[in-house]
Amino acid sequence: MQKGLEIAFQTVHGLDEELVKALAGITAHEFSDLNIDYNIFLVTLGNQKFFRILFLSKKLTDLHPEERKKVREKFDQNSRMQYRDLMVKYQSMLQHGKIPDKSIKEVHEEYDLWEDPIWQYI
């Protein structure tokens, strides 16, 4: 994958793609001074499906870990918003052209035991 800030998660009520688009778009917009772009993936790994958002920007890649932490915290804060409020905010931002309507790319991954952290301790 490309370098950037990666956030992987599952939604509570199934595969709610609109919710994921809202979380990614609103979070990226709130850090517009960093010129953040993002990609959204629906990942299939074994029998599991989850979402992964990759926030990209030259500034984000070079950020101090504390700044990257702020983006994660803002994402978490947005994820705790009431669903209705989040979606109203997202639809409004879409209509005013503040955020793009990104598509979600499907990705199939395989378990790679060589990348398992256990190998660091052996």
Protein backbone atom coordinates (compact mmCIF):
# COMPACT_ATOMS: atom_id res chain seq x y z
CA MET A 1 0.00 0.00 0.00
CA GLN A 2 0.96 3.61 -0.33
CA LYS A 3 2.43 5.48 2.60
CA GLY A 4 0.11 7.56 4.69
CA LEU A 5 -2.09 7.16 7.69
CA GLU A 6 -4.12 3.97 7.60
CA ILE A 7 -7.22 3.38 9.72
CA ALA A 8 -8.94 -0.01 9.61
CA PHE A 9 -12.31 -0.64 11.27
CA GLN A 10 -15.66 -2.39 11.07
CA THR A 11 -19.03 -0.68 11.24
CA VAL A 12 -21.54 -1.75 13.85
CA HIS A 13 -24.48 -2.29 11.50
CA GLY A 14 -22.98 -4.26 8.64
CA LEU A 15 -21.23 -2.73 5.65
CA ASP A 16 -22.56 0.83 5.78
CA GLU A 17 -20.67 2.40 2.89
CA GLU A 18 -22.29 5.84 3.24
CA LEU A 19 -21.17 6.03 6.86
CA VAL A 20 -17.61 5.17 5.87
CA LYS A 21 -17.60 7.78 3.11
CA ALA A 22 -18.89 10.36 5.58
CA LEU A 23 -16.24 9.57 8.19
CA ALA A 24 -13.41 9.69 5.66
CA GLY A 25 -14.59 12.83 3.88
CA ILE A 26 -15.37 14.86 6.99
CA THR A 27 -12.11 13.90 8.70
CA ALA A 28 -10.01 14.76 5.62
CA HIS A 29 -11.84 18.08 5.23
CA GLU A 30 -11.13 19.06 8.83
CA PHE A 31 -7.41 18.81 8.05
CA SER A 32 -7.61 20.61 4.71
CA ASP A 33 -4.48 22.62 5.62
CA LEU A 34 -2.53 19.36 5.16
CA ASN A 35 -3.95 18.80 1.64
CA ILE A 36 -5.12 15.32 2.61
CA ASP A 37 -6.50 13.00 -0.02
CA TYR A 38 -7.93 9.62 0.88
CA ASN A 39 -8.86 6.25 -0.51
CA ILE A 40 -11.47 3.92 0.92
CA PHE A 41 -11.18 0.16 0.68
CA LEU A 42 -13.53 -2.68 1.53
CA VAL A 43 -11.11 -5.42 2.51
CA THR A 44 -11.88 -9.13 2.46
CA LEU A 45 -9.46 -11.12 4.58
CA GLY A 46 -10.44 -14.75 5.00
CA ASN A 47 -14.08 -14.72 6.11
CA GLN A 48 -13.91 -11.17 7.44
CA LYS A 49 -14.82 -7.91 5.77
CA PHE A 50 -13.75 -4.54 7.08
CA PHE A 51 -13.04 -1.04 5.86
CA ARG A 52 -9.67 0.62 5.54
CA ILE A 53 -9.19 4.32 4.94
CA LEU A 54 -5.83 5.52 3.73
CA PHE A 55 -5.25 9.22 4.29
CA LEU A 56 -2.53 10.49 1.95
CA SER A 57 -0.51 13.67 1.68
CA LYS A 58 3.11 14.67 1.50
CA LYS A 59 2.66 16.64 4.69
CA LEU A 60 0.90 13.76 6.43
CA THR A 61 3.67 11.31 5.56
CA ASP A 62 6.25 13.69 6.99
CA LEU A 63 4.22 14.58 10.06
CA HIS A 64 5.42 14.17 13.57
CA PRO A 65 3.65 11.21 15.24
CA GLU A 66 1.74 13.67 17.43
CA GLU A 67 0.14 15.27 14.37
CA ARG A 68 -0.82 11.85 12.96
CA LYS A 69 -2.37 11.13 16.36
CA LYS A 70 -4.55 14.25 15.99
CA VAL A 71 -5.97 12.93 12.71
CA ARG A 72 -6.75 9.56 14.36
CA GLU A 73 -8.37 11.29 17.33
CA LYS A 74 -10.50 13.47 15.04
CA PHE A 75 -11.58 10.35 13.15
CA ASP A 76 -12.57 8.72 16.46
CA GLN A 77 -14.41 11.86 17.52
CA ASN A 78 -16.36 11.90 14.24
CA SER A 79 -17.17 8.21 14.61
CA ARG A 80 -18.86 8.94 17.94
CA MET A 81 -21.23 11.52 16.41
CA GLN A 82 -24.89 10.63 16.18
CA TYR A 83 -25.48 8.82 12.87
CA ARG A 84 -28.13 11.28 11.71
CA ASP A 85 -25.98 14.34 12.53
CA LEU A 86 -22.98 12.86 10.75
CA MET A 87 -24.97 12.05 7.63
CA VAL A 88 -26.61 15.51 7.53
CA LYS A 89 -23.17 17.12 7.79
CA TYR A 90 -21.81 14.79 5.07
CA GLN A 91 -24.70 15.46 2.66
CA SER A 92 -24.38 19.20 3.20
CA MET A 93 -20.64 19.13 2.50
CA LEU A 94 -21.22 17.02 -0.62
CA GLN A 95 -23.84 19.42 -1.95
CA HIS A 96 -21.59 22.42 -1.41
CA GLY A 97 -18.64 20.70 -3.11
CA LYS A 98 -16.46 20.75 0.00
CA ILE A 99 -15.72 17.01 -0.23
CA PRO A 100 -15.74 14.58 -3.16
CA ASP A 101 -18.01 11.55 -3.46
CA LYS A 102 -15.33 8.86 -3.43
CA SER A 103 -15.93 5.32 -4.55
CA ILE A 104 -14.99 2.37 -2.37
CA LYS A 105 -12.51 -0.05 -3.87
CA GLU A 106 -12.76 -3.74 -3.03
CA VAL A 107 -9.54 -5.50 -2.07
CA HIS A 108 -8.91 -9.16 -1.29
CA GLU A 109 -6.02 -9.86 1.04
CA GLU A 110 -4.37 -13.07 2.16
CA TYR A 111 -2.91 -13.81 5.56
CA ASP A 112 0.86 -13.44 5.43
CA LEU A 113 2.38 -15.14 8.44
CA TRP A 114 5.79 -13.68 7.66
CA GLU A 115 4.38 -10.25 8.48
CA ASP A 116 2.86 -11.51 11.72
CA PRO A 117 4.38 -9.65 14.72
CA ILE A 118 5.14 -13.01 16.39
CA TRP A 119 8.16 -13.36 14.07
CA GLN A 120 9.74 -10.31 15.67
CA TYR A 121 10.04 -12.20 18.95
CA ILE A 122 11.45 -15.49 17.63
